[in-house]
Full PDB file with SEQRES, HELIX, SHEET, SSBOND, CRYST1, ORIGX, SCALE, CONECT and MASTER records, all heavy atoms in Angstrom:
SEQRES   1 A   43  GLU ASN LEU GLU MET HIS ASP ARG ILE GLU HIS LEU ILE          
SEQRES   2 A   43  GLU LYS GLN VAL SER ARG GLY GLY HIS SER SER ARG ALA          
SEQRES   3 A   43  ARG SER LYS SER GLU TYR VAL SER SER LYS ARG LEU THR          
SEQRES   4 A   43  GLY PRO LYS PRO                                              
HELIX    1 AA1 ASN A    2  GLY A   20  1                                  19    
HELIX    2 AA2 LYS A   29  GLU A   31  5                                   3    
CRYST1    1.000    1.000    1.000  90.00  90.00  90.00 P 1           1          
ORIGX1      1.000000  0.000000  0.000000        0.00000                         
ORIGX2      0.000000  1.000000  0.000000        0.00000                         
ORIGX3      0.000000  0.000000  1.000000        0.00000                         
SCALE1      1.000000  0.000000  0.000000        0.00000                         
SCALE2      0.000000  1.000000  0.000000        0.00000                         
SCALE3      0.000000  0.000000  1.000000        0.00000                         
ATOM      1  N   GLU A   1       3.136  -0.402  22.019  1.00  0.00           N  
ATOM      2  CA  GLU A   1       3.435  -0.741  20.620  1.00  0.00           C  
ATOM      3  C   GLU A   1       4.856  -0.329  20.255  1.00  0.00           C  
ATOM      4  O   GLU A   1       5.566  -1.060  19.572  1.00  0.00           O  
ATOM      5  CB  GLU A   1       2.449  -0.045  19.673  1.00  0.00           C  
ATOM      6  CG  GLU A   1       1.152  -0.751  19.499  1.00  0.00           C  
ATOM      7  CD  GLU A   1       0.298  -0.106  18.392  1.00  0.00           C  
ATOM      8  OE1 GLU A   1       0.637   0.987  17.916  1.00  0.00           O  
ATOM      9  OE2 GLU A   1      -0.696  -0.729  18.018  1.00  0.00           O  
ATOM     10  N   ASN A   2       5.269   0.845  20.720  1.00  0.00           N  
ATOM     11  CA  ASN A   2       6.600   1.358  20.436  1.00  0.00           C  
ATOM     12  C   ASN A   2       7.658   0.427  21.010  1.00  0.00           C  
ATOM     13  O   ASN A   2       8.638   0.090  20.337  1.00  0.00           O  
ATOM     14  CB  ASN A   2       6.727   2.765  21.007  1.00  0.00           C  
ATOM     15  CG  ASN A   2       7.967   3.471  20.527  1.00  0.00           C  
ATOM     16  OD1 ASN A   2       8.602   3.055  19.574  1.00  0.00           O  
ATOM     17  ND2 ASN A   2       8.320   4.551  21.202  1.00  0.00           N  
ATOM     18  N   LEU A   3       7.458  -0.006  22.245  1.00  0.00           N  
ATOM     19  CA  LEU A   3       8.414  -0.938  22.856  1.00  0.00           C  
ATOM     20  C   LEU A   3       8.455  -2.261  22.107  1.00  0.00           C  
ATOM     21  O   LEU A   3       9.531  -2.839  21.895  1.00  0.00           O  
ATOM     22  CB  LEU A   3       8.057  -1.163  24.328  1.00  0.00           C  
ATOM     23  CG  LEU A   3       8.360  -0.005  25.269  1.00  0.00           C  
ATOM     24  CD1 LEU A   3       7.824  -0.310  26.663  1.00  0.00           C  
ATOM     25  CD2 LEU A   3       9.852   0.273  25.321  1.00  0.00           C  
ATOM     26  N   GLU A   4       7.274  -2.716  21.696  1.00  0.00           N  
ATOM     27  CA  GLU A   4       7.219  -3.979  20.948  1.00  0.00           C  
ATOM     28  C   GLU A   4       7.967  -3.834  19.629  1.00  0.00           C  
ATOM     29  O   GLU A   4       8.757  -4.707  19.255  1.00  0.00           O  
ATOM     30  CB  GLU A   4       5.758  -4.361  20.689  1.00  0.00           C  
ATOM     31  CG  GLU A   4       5.614  -5.703  19.999  1.00  0.00           C  
ATOM     32  CD  GLU A   4       4.153  -6.067  19.760  1.00  0.00           C  
ATOM     33  OE1 GLU A   4       3.276  -5.493  20.434  1.00  0.00           O  
ATOM     34  OE2 GLU A   4       3.916  -6.914  18.887  1.00  0.00           O  
ATOM     35  N   MET A   5       7.757  -2.705  18.926  1.00  0.00           N  
ATOM     36  CA  MET A   5       8.448  -2.485  17.660  1.00  0.00           C  
ATOM     37  C   MET A   5       9.951  -2.335  17.891  1.00  0.00           C  
ATOM     38  O   MET A   5      10.765  -2.819  17.109  1.00  0.00           O  
ATOM     39  CB  MET A   5       7.886  -1.253  16.950  1.00  0.00           C  
ATOM     40  CG  MET A   5       6.467  -1.467  16.457  1.00  0.00           C  
ATOM     41  SD  MET A   5       5.869  -0.020  15.649  1.00  0.00           S  
ATOM     42  CE  MET A   5       6.249  -0.437  13.968  1.00  0.00           C  
ATOM     43  N   HIS A   6      10.323  -1.688  18.964  1.00  0.00           N  
ATOM     44  CA  HIS A   6      11.737  -1.544  19.295  1.00  0.00           C  
ATOM     45  C   HIS A   6      12.372  -2.917  19.497  1.00  0.00           C  
ATOM     46  O   HIS A   6      13.458  -3.204  18.972  1.00  0.00           O  
ATOM     47  CB  HIS A   6      11.877  -0.679  20.553  1.00  0.00           C  
ATOM     48  CG  HIS A   6      13.281  -0.537  21.037  1.00  0.00           C  
ATOM     49  ND1 HIS A   6      14.240   0.150  20.329  1.00  0.00           N  
ATOM     50  CD2 HIS A   6      13.908  -1.000  22.154  1.00  0.00           C  
ATOM     51  CE1 HIS A   6      15.376   0.113  20.984  1.00  0.00           C  
ATOM     52  NE2 HIS A   6      15.199  -0.590  22.101  1.00  0.00           N  
ATOM     53  N   ASP A   7      11.679  -3.769  20.258  1.00  0.00           N  
ATOM     54  CA  ASP A   7      12.196  -5.122  20.484  1.00  0.00           C  
ATOM     55  C   ASP A   7      12.303  -5.895  19.175  1.00  0.00           C  
ATOM     56  O   ASP A   7      13.288  -6.602  18.932  1.00  0.00           O  
ATOM     57  CB  ASP A   7      11.298  -5.870  21.472  1.00  0.00           C  
ATOM     58  CG  ASP A   7      11.414  -5.317  22.886  1.00  0.00           C  
ATOM     59  OD1 ASP A   7      12.392  -4.575  23.146  1.00  0.00           O  
ATOM     60  OD2 ASP A   7      10.531  -5.600  23.717  1.00  0.00           O  
ATOM     61  N   ARG A   8      11.301  -5.759  18.297  1.00  0.00           N  
ATOM     62  CA  ARG A   8      11.349  -6.445  16.997  1.00  0.00           C  
ATOM     63  C   ARG A   8      12.516  -5.954  16.150  1.00  0.00           C  
ATOM     64  O   ARG A   8      13.225  -6.743  15.529  1.00  0.00           O  
ATOM     65  CB  ARG A   8      10.041  -6.215  16.226  1.00  0.00           C  
ATOM     66  CG  ARG A   8       8.893  -7.021  16.732  1.00  0.00           C  
ATOM     67  CD  ARG A   8       7.684  -6.774  15.865  1.00  0.00           C  
ATOM     68  NE  ARG A   8       6.505  -7.437  16.388  1.00  0.00           N  
ATOM     69  CZ  ARG A   8       5.299  -7.283  15.926  1.00  0.00           C  
ATOM     70  NH1 ARG A   8       5.095  -6.454  14.911  1.00  0.00           N  
ATOM     71  NH2 ARG A   8       4.285  -7.930  16.452  1.00  0.00           N  
ATOM     72  N   ILE A   9      12.722  -4.625  16.151  1.00  0.00           N  
ATOM     73  CA  ILE A   9      13.827  -4.066  15.374  1.00  0.00           C  
ATOM     74  C   ILE A   9      15.155  -4.547  15.923  1.00  0.00           C  
ATOM     75  O   ILE A   9      16.059  -4.935  15.166  1.00  0.00           O  
ATOM     76  CB  ILE A   9      13.749  -2.519  15.356  1.00  0.00           C  
ATOM     77  CG1 ILE A   9      12.581  -2.086  14.489  1.00  0.00           C  
ATOM     78  CG2 ILE A   9      15.047  -1.905  14.863  1.00  0.00           C  
ATOM     79  CD1 ILE A   9      12.285  -0.594  14.534  1.00  0.00           C  
ATOM     80  N   GLU A  10      15.301  -4.567  17.245  1.00  0.00           N  
ATOM     81  CA  GLU A  10      16.530  -5.077  17.863  1.00  0.00           C  
ATOM     82  C   GLU A  10      16.749  -6.530  17.455  1.00  0.00           C  
ATOM     83  O   GLU A  10      17.855  -6.932  17.110  1.00  0.00           O  
ATOM     84  CB  GLU A  10      16.443  -4.961  19.400  1.00  0.00           C  
ATOM     85  CG  GLU A  10      16.534  -3.556  19.934  1.00  0.00           C  
ATOM     86  CD  GLU A  10      17.930  -2.990  19.805  1.00  0.00           C  
ATOM     87  OE1 GLU A  10      18.924  -3.744  19.871  1.00  0.00           O  
ATOM     88  OE2 GLU A  10      18.023  -1.761  19.606  1.00  0.00           O  
ATOM     89  N   HIS A  11      15.658  -7.273  17.487  1.00  0.00           N  
ATOM     90  CA  HIS A  11      15.766  -8.698  17.120  1.00  0.00           C  
ATOM     91  C   HIS A  11      16.166  -8.835  15.653  1.00  0.00           C  
ATOM     92  O   HIS A  11      17.053  -9.637  15.326  1.00  0.00           O  
ATOM     93  CB  HIS A  11      14.423  -9.388  17.389  1.00  0.00           C  
ATOM     94  CG  HIS A  11      14.419 -10.828  17.039  1.00  0.00           C  
ATOM     95  ND1 HIS A  11      15.142 -11.770  17.752  1.00  0.00           N  
ATOM     96  CD2 HIS A  11      13.794 -11.515  16.041  1.00  0.00           C  
ATOM     97  CE1 HIS A  11      14.959 -12.952  17.211  1.00  0.00           C  
ATOM     98  NE2 HIS A  11      14.136 -12.839  16.164  1.00  0.00           N  
ATOM     99  N   LEU A  12      15.554  -8.050  14.761  1.00  0.00           N  
ATOM    100  CA  LEU A  12      15.906  -8.105  13.337  1.00  0.00           C  
ATOM    101  C   LEU A  12      17.343  -7.654  13.100  1.00  0.00           C  
ATOM    102  O   LEU A  12      18.069  -8.240  12.292  1.00  0.00           O  
ATOM    103  CB  LEU A  12      14.947  -7.230  12.525  1.00  0.00           C  
ATOM    104  CG  LEU A  12      13.528  -7.772  12.356  1.00  0.00           C  
ATOM    105  CD1 LEU A  12      12.656  -6.728  11.661  1.00  0.00           C  
ATOM    106  CD2 LEU A  12      13.537  -9.067  11.558  1.00  0.00           C  
ATOM    107  N   ILE A  13      17.785  -6.639  13.809  1.00  0.00           N  
ATOM    108  CA  ILE A  13      19.158  -6.159  13.656  1.00  0.00           C  
ATOM    109  C   ILE A  13      20.130  -7.240  14.092  1.00  0.00           C  
ATOM    110  O   ILE A  13      21.137  -7.502  13.435  1.00  0.00           O  
ATOM    111  CB  ILE A  13      19.362  -4.860  14.464  1.00  0.00           C  
ATOM    112  CG1 ILE A  13      18.616  -3.710  13.802  1.00  0.00           C  
ATOM    113  CG2 ILE A  13      20.845  -4.530  14.602  1.00  0.00           C  
ATOM    114  CD1 ILE A  13      18.616  -2.432  14.605  1.00  0.00           C  
ATOM    115  N   GLU A  14      19.816  -7.895  15.212  1.00  0.00           N  
ATOM    116  CA  GLU A  14      20.686  -8.968  15.686  1.00  0.00           C  
ATOM    117  C   GLU A  14      20.738 -10.110  14.672  1.00  0.00           C  
ATOM    118  O   GLU A  14      21.792 -10.687  14.419  1.00  0.00           O  
ATOM    119  CB  GLU A  14      20.208  -9.471  17.044  1.00  0.00           C  
ATOM    120  CG  GLU A  14      20.492  -8.517  18.165  1.00  0.00           C  
ATOM    121  CD  GLU A  14      19.911  -9.006  19.488  1.00  0.00           C  
ATOM    122  OE1 GLU A  14      19.447 -10.164  19.584  1.00  0.00           O  
ATOM    123  OE2 GLU A  14      19.928  -8.204  20.442  1.00  0.00           O  
ATOM    124  N   LYS A  15      19.600 -10.425  14.049  1.00  0.00           N  
ATOM    125  CA  LYS A  15      19.576 -11.476  13.026  1.00  0.00           C  
ATOM    126  C   LYS A  15      20.422 -11.074  11.825  1.00  0.00           C  
ATOM    127  O   LYS A  15      21.178 -11.880  11.295  1.00  0.00           O  
ATOM    128  CB  LYS A  15      18.144 -11.736  12.563  1.00  0.00           C  
ATOM    129  CG  LYS A  15      17.380 -12.663  13.422  1.00  0.00           C  
ATOM    130  CD  LYS A  15      16.044 -12.962  12.743  1.00  0.00           C  
ATOM    131  CE  LYS A  15      15.230 -13.940  13.531  1.00  0.00           C  
ATOM    132  NZ  LYS A  15      13.936 -14.202  12.883  1.00  0.00           N  
ATOM    133  N   GLN A  16      20.277  -9.809  11.393  1.00  0.00           N  
ATOM    134  CA  GLN A  16      21.031  -9.342  10.229  1.00  0.00           C  
ATOM    135  C   GLN A  16      22.523  -9.324  10.542  1.00  0.00           C  
ATOM    136  O   GLN A  16      23.346  -9.679   9.707  1.00  0.00           O  
ATOM    137  CB  GLN A  16      20.571  -7.947   9.815  1.00  0.00           C  
ATOM    138  CG  GLN A  16      19.248  -7.935   9.107  1.00  0.00           C  
ATOM    139  CD  GLN A  16      18.816  -6.525   8.712  1.00  0.00           C  
ATOM    140  OE1 GLN A  16      19.486  -5.558   9.069  1.00  0.00           O  
ATOM    141  NE2 GLN A  16      17.716  -6.438   8.006  1.00  0.00           N  
ATOM    142  N   VAL A  17      22.880  -8.921  11.735  1.00  0.00           N  
ATOM    143  CA  VAL A  17      24.286  -8.878  12.112  1.00  0.00           C  
ATOM    144  C   VAL A  17      24.844 -10.296  12.154  1.00  0.00           C  
ATOM    145  O   VAL A  17      25.939 -10.564  11.660  1.00  0.00           O  
ATOM    146  CB  VAL A  17      24.460  -8.171  13.465  1.00  0.00           C  
ATOM    147  CG1 VAL A  17      25.859  -8.365  14.028  1.00  0.00           C  
ATOM    148  CG2 VAL A  17      24.153  -6.697  13.321  1.00  0.00           C  
ATOM    149  N   SER A  18      24.088 -11.217  12.699  1.00  0.00           N  
ATOM    150  CA  SER A  18      24.595 -12.594  12.785  1.00  0.00           C  
ATOM    151  C   SER A  18      24.663 -13.226  11.395  1.00  0.00           C  
ATOM    152  O   SER A  18      25.590 -13.953  11.080  1.00  0.00           O  
ATOM    153  CB  SER A  18      23.740 -13.427  13.721  1.00  0.00           C  
ATOM    154  OG  SER A  18      22.428 -13.541  13.201  1.00  0.00           O  
ATOM    155  N   ARG A  19      23.736 -12.918  10.489  1.00  0.00           N  
ATOM    156  CA  ARG A  19      23.798 -13.430   9.118  1.00  0.00           C  
ATOM    157  C   ARG A  19      24.863 -12.677   8.323  1.00  0.00           C  
ATOM    158  O   ARG A  19      25.494 -13.214   7.450  1.00  0.00           O  
ATOM    159  CB  ARG A  19      22.457 -13.262   8.415  1.00  0.00           C  
ATOM    160  CG  ARG A  19      21.554 -14.440   8.673  1.00  0.00           C  
ATOM    161  CD  ARG A  19      20.385 -14.405   7.738  1.00  0.00           C  
ATOM    162  NE  ARG A  19      19.298 -13.703   8.412  1.00  0.00           N  
ATOM    163  CZ  ARG A  19      18.336 -13.071   7.819  1.00  0.00           C  
ATOM    164  NH1 ARG A  19      18.296 -13.002   6.512  1.00  0.00           N  
ATOM    165  NH2 ARG A  19      17.397 -12.480   8.497  1.00  0.00           N  
ATOM    166  N   GLY A  20      24.994 -11.434   8.619  1.00  0.00           N  
ATOM    167  CA  GLY A  20      25.955 -10.604   7.904  1.00  0.00           C  
ATOM    168  C   GLY A  20      27.385 -11.027   8.189  1.00  0.00           C  
ATOM    169  O   GLY A  20      28.287 -10.770   7.408  1.00  0.00           O  
ATOM    170  N   GLY A  21      27.677 -11.680   9.274  1.00  0.00           N  
ATOM    171  CA  GLY A  21      29.017 -12.141   9.603  1.00  0.00           C  
ATOM    172  C   GLY A  21      29.506 -13.165   8.606  1.00  0.00           C  
ATOM    173  O   GLY A  21      30.683 -13.300   8.365  1.00  0.00           O  
ATOM    174  N   HIS A  22      28.611 -13.888   7.971  1.00  0.00           N  
ATOM    175  CA  HIS A  22      28.982 -14.905   7.002  1.00  0.00           C  
ATOM    176  C   HIS A  22      29.149 -14.305   5.623  1.00  0.00           C  
ATOM    177  O   HIS A  22      29.688 -14.922   4.735  1.00  0.00           O  
ATOM    178  CB  HIS A  22      27.919 -16.010   6.945  1.00  0.00           C  
ATOM    179  CG  HIS A  22      27.754 -16.697   8.265  1.00  0.00           C  
ATOM    180  ND1 HIS A  22      28.760 -17.465   8.820  1.00  0.00           N  
ATOM    181  CD2 HIS A  22      26.730 -16.718   9.137  1.00  0.00           C  
ATOM    182  CE1 HIS A  22      28.339 -17.941   9.973  1.00  0.00           C  
ATOM    183  NE2 HIS A  22      27.090 -17.501  10.189  1.00  0.00           N  
ATOM    184  N   SER A  23      28.676 -13.103   5.453  1.00  0.00           N  
ATOM    185  CA  SER A  23      28.761 -12.505   4.119  1.00  0.00           C  
ATOM    186  C   SER A  23      30.160 -11.972   3.883  1.00  0.00           C  
ATOM    187  O   SER A  23      30.997 -11.946   4.770  1.00  0.00           O  
ATOM    188  CB  SER A  23      27.731 -11.394   3.958  1.00  0.00           C  
ATOM    189  OG  SER A  23      28.052 -10.329   4.824  1.00  0.00           O  
ATOM    190  N   SER A  24      30.385 -11.534   2.645  1.00  0.00           N  
ATOM    191  CA  SER A  24      31.712 -11.063   2.262  1.00  0.00           C  
ATOM    192  C   SER A  24      32.098  -9.823   3.053  1.00  0.00           C  
ATOM    193  O   SER A  24      33.249  -9.619   3.339  1.00  0.00           O  
ATOM    194  CB  SER A  24      31.753 -10.781   0.767  1.00  0.00           C  
ATOM    195  OG  SER A  24      30.770  -9.798   0.473  1.00  0.00           O  
ATOM    196  N   ARG A  25      31.177  -8.996   3.325  1.00  0.00           N  
ATOM    197  CA  ARG A  25      31.461  -7.767   4.074  1.00  0.00           C  
ATOM    198  C   ARG A  25      30.695  -7.820   5.392  1.00  0.00           C  
ATOM    199  O   ARG A  25      29.481  -7.815   5.403  1.00  0.00           O  
ATOM    200  CB  ARG A  25      31.028  -6.560   3.247  1.00  0.00           C  
ATOM    201  CG  ARG A  25      31.297  -5.260   3.943  1.00  0.00           C  
ATOM    202  CD  ARG A  25      30.882  -4.119   3.032  1.00  0.00           C  
ATOM    203  NE  ARG A  25      30.950  -2.880   3.784  1.00  0.00           N  
ATOM    204  CZ  ARG A  25      29.916  -2.223   4.259  1.00  0.00           C  
ATOM    205  NH1 ARG A  25      28.713  -2.650   4.069  1.00  0.00           N  
ATOM    206  NH2 ARG A  25      30.076  -1.102   4.926  1.00  0.00           N  
ATOM    207  N   ALA A  26      31.343  -7.829   6.494  1.00  0.00           N  
ATOM    208  CA  ALA A  26      30.681  -7.886   7.797  1.00  0.00           C  
ATOM    209  C   ALA A  26      30.327  -6.483   8.231  1.00  0.00           C  
ATOM    210  O   ALA A  26      31.137  -5.574   8.121  1.00  0.00           O  
ATOM    211  CB  ALA A  26      31.604  -8.546   8.819  1.00  0.00           C  
ATOM    212  N   ARG A  27      29.148  -6.375   8.699  1.00  0.00           N  
ATOM    213  CA  ARG A  27      28.703  -5.066   9.193  1.00  0.00           C  
ATOM    214  C   ARG A  27      29.004  -4.974  10.677  1.00  0.00           C  
ATOM    215  O   ARG A  27      28.722  -5.890  11.433  1.00  0.00           O  
ATOM    216  CB  ARG A  27      27.203  -4.869   8.985  1.00  0.00           C  
ATOM    217  CG  ARG A  27      26.834  -4.745   7.553  1.00  0.00           C  
ATOM    218  CD  ARG A  27      25.364  -4.420   7.484  1.00  0.00           C  
ATOM    219  NE  ARG A  27      24.943  -4.365   6.083  1.00  0.00           N  
ATOM    220  CZ  ARG A  27      23.723  -4.156   5.694  1.00  0.00           C  
ATOM    221  NH1 ARG A  27      22.783  -3.987   6.588  1.00  0.00           N  
ATOM    222  NH2 ARG A  27      23.413  -4.092   4.429  1.00  0.00           N  
ATOM    223  N   SER A  28      29.518  -3.856  11.036  1.00  0.00           N  
ATOM    224  CA  SER A  28      29.759  -3.667  12.464  1.00  0.00           C  
ATOM    225  C   SER A  28      28.583  -2.915  13.066  1.00  0.00           C  
ATOM    226  O   SER A  28      27.836  -2.249  12.367  1.00  0.00           O  
ATOM    227  CB  SER A  28      31.062  -2.898  12.678  1.00  0.00           C  
ATOM    228  OG  SER A  28      30.889  -1.573  12.213  1.00  0.00           O  
ATOM    229  N   LYS A  29      28.483  -3.009  14.355  1.00  0.00           N  
ATOM    230  CA  LYS A  29      27.382  -2.316  15.022  1.00  0.00           C  
ATOM    231  C   LYS A  29      27.531  -0.815  14.911  1.00  0.00           C  
ATOM    232  O   LYS A  29      26.580  -0.085  15.066  1.00  0.00           O  
ATOM    233  CB  LYS A  29      27.302  -2.721  16.500  1.00  0.00           C  
ATOM    234  CG  LYS A  29      26.614  -4.023  16.716  1.00  0.00           C  
ATOM    235  CD  LYS A  29      26.293  -4.208  18.177  1.00  0.00           C  
ATOM    236  CE  LYS A  29      25.455  -5.451  18.373  1.00  0.00           C  
ATOM    237  NZ  LYS A  29      25.085  -5.636  19.747  1.00  0.00           N  
ATOM    238  N   SER A  30      28.722  -0.353  14.627  1.00  0.00           N  
ATOM    239  CA  SER A  30      28.927   1.083  14.519  1.00  0.00           C  
ATOM    240  C   SER A  30      28.250   1.649  13.288  1.00  0.00           C  
ATOM    241  O   SER A  30      28.061   2.846  13.176  1.00  0.00           O  
ATOM    242  CB  SER A  30      30.417   1.422  14.510  1.00  0.00           C  
ATOM    243  OG  SER A  30      31.016   0.850  13.371  1.00  0.00           O  
ATOM    244  N   GLU A  31      27.935   0.772  12.326  1.00  0.00           N  
ATOM    245  CA  GLU A  31      27.220   1.259  11.152  1.00  0.00           C  
ATOM    246  C   GLU A  31      25.797   1.644  11.484  1.00  0.00           C  
ATOM    247  O   GLU A  31      25.175   2.390  10.753  1.00  0.00           O  
ATOM    248  CB  GLU A  31      27.232   0.189  10.050  1.00  0.00           C  
ATOM    249  CG  GLU A  31      28.586  -0.035   9.450  1.00  0.00           C  
ATOM    250  CD  GLU A  31      28.532  -1.079   8.363  1.00  0.00           C  
ATOM    251  OE1 GLU A  31      27.432  -1.618   8.090  1.00  0.00           O  
ATOM    252  OE2 GLU A  31      29.565  -1.345   7.781  1.00  0.00           O  
ATOM    253  N   TYR A  32      25.330   1.089  12.509  1.00  0.00           N  
ATOM    254  CA  TYR A  32      23.971   1.399  12.923  1.00  0.00           C  
ATOM    255  C   TYR A  32      24.027   2.470  14.008  1.00  0.00           C  
ATOM    256  O   TYR A  32      24.722   2.290  14.991  1.00  0.00           O  
ATOM    257  CB  TYR A  32      23.255   0.167  13.483  1.00  0.00           C  
ATOM    258  CG  TYR A  32      23.120  -0.925  12.464  1.00  0.00           C  
ATOM    259  CD1 TYR A  32      23.996  -1.997  12.452  1.00  0.00           C  
ATOM    260  CD2 TYR A  32      22.120  -0.859  11.503  1.00  0.00           C  
ATOM    261  CE1 TYR A  32      23.886  -2.985  11.521  1.00  0.00           C  
ATOM    262  CE2 TYR A  32      22.015  -1.859  10.561  1.00  0.00           C  
ATOM    263  CZ  TYR A  32      22.888  -2.918  10.571  1.00  0.00           C  
ATOM    264  OH  TYR A  32      22.771  -3.885   9.642  1.00  0.00           O  
ATOM    265  N   VAL A  33      23.295   3.516  13.786  1.00  0.00           N  
ATOM    266  CA  VAL A  33      23.225   4.547  14.821  1.00  0.00           C  
ATOM    267  C   VAL A  33      22.147   4.090  15.785  1.00  0.00           C  
ATOM    268  O   VAL A  33      21.013   3.842  15.371  1.00  0.00           O  
ATOM    269  CB  VAL A  33      22.871   5.923  14.210  1.00  0.00           C  
ATOM    270  CG1 VAL A  33      22.719   6.953  15.314  1.00  0.00           C  
ATOM    271  CG2 VAL A  33      23.921   6.317  13.213  1.00  0.00           C  
ATOM    272  N   SER A  34      22.566   3.945  16.998  1.00  0.00           N  
ATOM    273  CA  SER A  34      21.597   3.393  17.944  1.00  0.00           C  
ATOM    274  C   SER A  34      20.500   4.410  18.245  1.00  0.00           C  
ATOM    275  O   SER A  34      20.693   5.606  18.124  1.00  0.00           O  
ATOM    276  CB  SER A  34      22.308   2.988  19.230  1.00  0.00           C  
ATOM    277  OG  SER A  34      22.805   4.138  19.856  1.00  0.00           O  
ATOM    278  N   SER A  35      19.397   3.868  18.625  1.00  0.00           N  
ATOM    279  CA  SER A  35      18.255   4.723  18.953  1.00  0.00           C  
ATOM    280  C   SER A  35      18.340   5.129  20.417  1.00  0.00           C  
ATOM    281  O   SER A  35      18.968   4.451  21.208  1.00  0.00           O  
ATOM    282  CB  SER A  35      16.953   3.991  18.684  1.00  0.00           C  
ATOM    283  OG  SER A  35      16.872   2.882  19.547  1.00  0.00           O  
ATOM    284  N   LYS A  36      17.737   6.218  20.700  1.00  0.00           N  
ATOM    285  CA  LYS A  36      17.718   6.694  22.083  1.00  0.00           C  
ATOM    286  C   LYS A  36      16.271   6.747  22.545  1.00  0.00           C  
ATOM    287  O   LYS A  36      15.399   7.172  21.806  1.00  0.00           O  
ATOM    288  CB  LYS A  36      18.268   8.112  22.171  1.00  0.00           C  
ATOM    289  CG  LYS A  36      19.727   8.222  22.044  1.00  0.00           C  
ATOM    290  CD  LYS A  36      20.101   9.664  22.305  1.00  0.00           C  
ATOM    291  CE  LYS A  36      21.576   9.890  22.231  1.00  0.00           C  
ATOM    292  NZ  LYS A  36      21.914  11.284  22.468  1.00  0.00           N  
ATOM    293  N   ARG A  37      16.066   6.341  23.751  1.00  0.00           N  
ATOM    294  CA  ARG A  37      14.756   6.541  24.361  1.00  0.00           C  
ATOM    295  C   ARG A  37      14.859   7.804  25.189  1.00  0.00           C  
ATOM    296  O   ARG A  37      15.712   7.925  26.049  1.00  0.00           O  
ATOM    297  CB  ARG A  37      14.378   5.386  25.265  1.00  0.00           C  
ATOM    298  CG  ARG A  37      13.870   4.227  24.522  1.00  0.00           C  
ATOM    299  CD  ARG A  37      13.215   3.271  25.467  1.00  0.00           C  
ATOM    300  NE  ARG A  37      13.090   2.013  24.767  1.00  0.00           N  
ATOM    301  CZ  ARG A  37      12.758   0.894  25.338  1.00  0.00           C  
ATOM    302  NH1 ARG A  37      12.527   0.857  26.618  1.00  0.00           N  
ATOM    303  NH2 ARG A  37      12.650  -0.190  24.645  1.00  0.00           N  
ATOM    304  N   LEU A  38      13.985   8.716  24.895  1.00  0.00           N  
ATOM    305  CA  LEU A  38      13.997   9.958  25.647  1.00  0.00           C  
ATOM    306  C   LEU A  38      13.032   9.814  26.808  1.00  0.00           C  
ATOM    307  O   LEU A  38      11.897   9.392  26.625  1.00  0.00           O  
ATOM    308  CB  LEU A  38      13.578  11.128  24.750  1.00  0.00           C  
ATOM    309  CG  LEU A  38      14.484  11.366  23.551  1.00  0.00           C  
ATOM    310  CD1 LEU A  38      13.897  12.469  22.693  1.00  0.00           C  
ATOM    311  CD2 LEU A  38      15.874  11.748  23.999  1.00  0.00           C  
ATOM    312  N   THR A  39      13.534  10.166  27.961  1.00  0.00           N  
ATOM    313  CA  THR A  39      12.647  10.090  29.130  1.00  0.00           C  
ATOM    314  C   THR A  39      12.219  11.489  29.493  1.00  0.00           C  
ATOM    315  O   THR A  39      12.908  12.456  29.231  1.00  0.00           O  
ATOM    316  CB  THR A  39      13.359   9.431  30.317  1.00  0.00           C  
ATOM    317  OG1 THR A  39      14.502  10.203  30.616  1.00  0.00           O  
ATOM    318  CG2 THR A  39      13.712   7.996  30.014  1.00  0.00           C  
ATOM    319  N   GLY A  40      11.105  11.558  30.065  1.00  0.00           N  
ATOM    320  CA  GLY A  40      10.567  12.846  30.454  1.00  0.00           C  
ATOM    321  C   GLY A  40       9.103  12.665  30.783  1.00  0.00           C  
ATOM    322  O   GLY A  40       8.631  11.547  30.968  1.00  0.00           O  
ATOM    323  N   PRO A  41       8.382  13.747  30.808  1.00  0.00           N  
ATOM    324  CA  PRO A  41       6.977  13.628  31.156  1.00  0.00           C  
ATOM    325  C   PRO A  41       6.185  12.852  30.124  1.00  0.00           C  
ATOM    326  O   PRO A  41       5.234  12.182  30.441  1.00  0.00           O  
ATOM    327  CB  PRO A  41       6.490  15.076  31.229  1.00  0.00           C  
ATOM    328  CG  PRO A  41       7.518  15.898  30.551  1.00  0.00           C  
ATOM    329  CD  PRO A  41       8.782  15.112  30.578  1.00  0.00           C  
ATOM    330  N   LYS A  42       6.627  12.898  28.859  1.00  0.00           N  
ATOM    331  CA  LYS A  42       5.900  12.187  27.813  1.00  0.00           C  
ATOM    332  C   LYS A  42       6.934  11.516  26.921  1.00  0.00           C  
ATOM    333  O   LYS A  42       7.713  12.200  26.259  1.00  0.00           O  
ATOM    334  CB  LYS A  42       5.062  13.186  27.022  1.00  0.00           C  
ATOM    335  CG  LYS A  42       4.237  12.581  25.933  1.00  0.00           C  
ATOM    336  CD  LYS A  42       3.391  13.641  25.285  1.00  0.00           C  
ATOM    337  CE  LYS A  42       2.669  13.085  24.089  1.00  0.00           C  
ATOM    338  NZ  LYS A  42       1.942  14.119  23.383  1.00  0.00           N  
ATOM    339  N   PRO A  43       6.974  10.175  26.872  1.00  0.00           N  
ATOM    340  CA  PRO A  43       7.969   9.504  26.032  1.00  0.00           C  
ATOM    341  C   PRO A  43       7.708   9.803  24.561  1.00  0.00           C  
ATOM    342  O   PRO A  43       6.569   9.848  24.124  1.00  0.00           O  
ATOM    343  CB  PRO A  43       7.788   8.022  26.334  1.00  0.00           C  
ATOM    344  CG  PRO A  43       6.749   7.916  27.370  1.00  0.00           C  
ATOM    345  CD  PRO A  43       6.177   9.256  27.612  1.00  0.00           C  
TER     346      PRO A  43                                                      
MASTER        0    0    0    2    0    0    0    6  345    1    0    4          
END                                                                             
């Protein structure tokens, strides 16, 4: 479920970024703090 939600969020962010390019103020990817996947014995 977490991976699915991550993929959905990535997809939504990409949509917002692509729509945001047409707006008056373009958002850069740097405005978004990327998420980290922590690896270890228990994700």
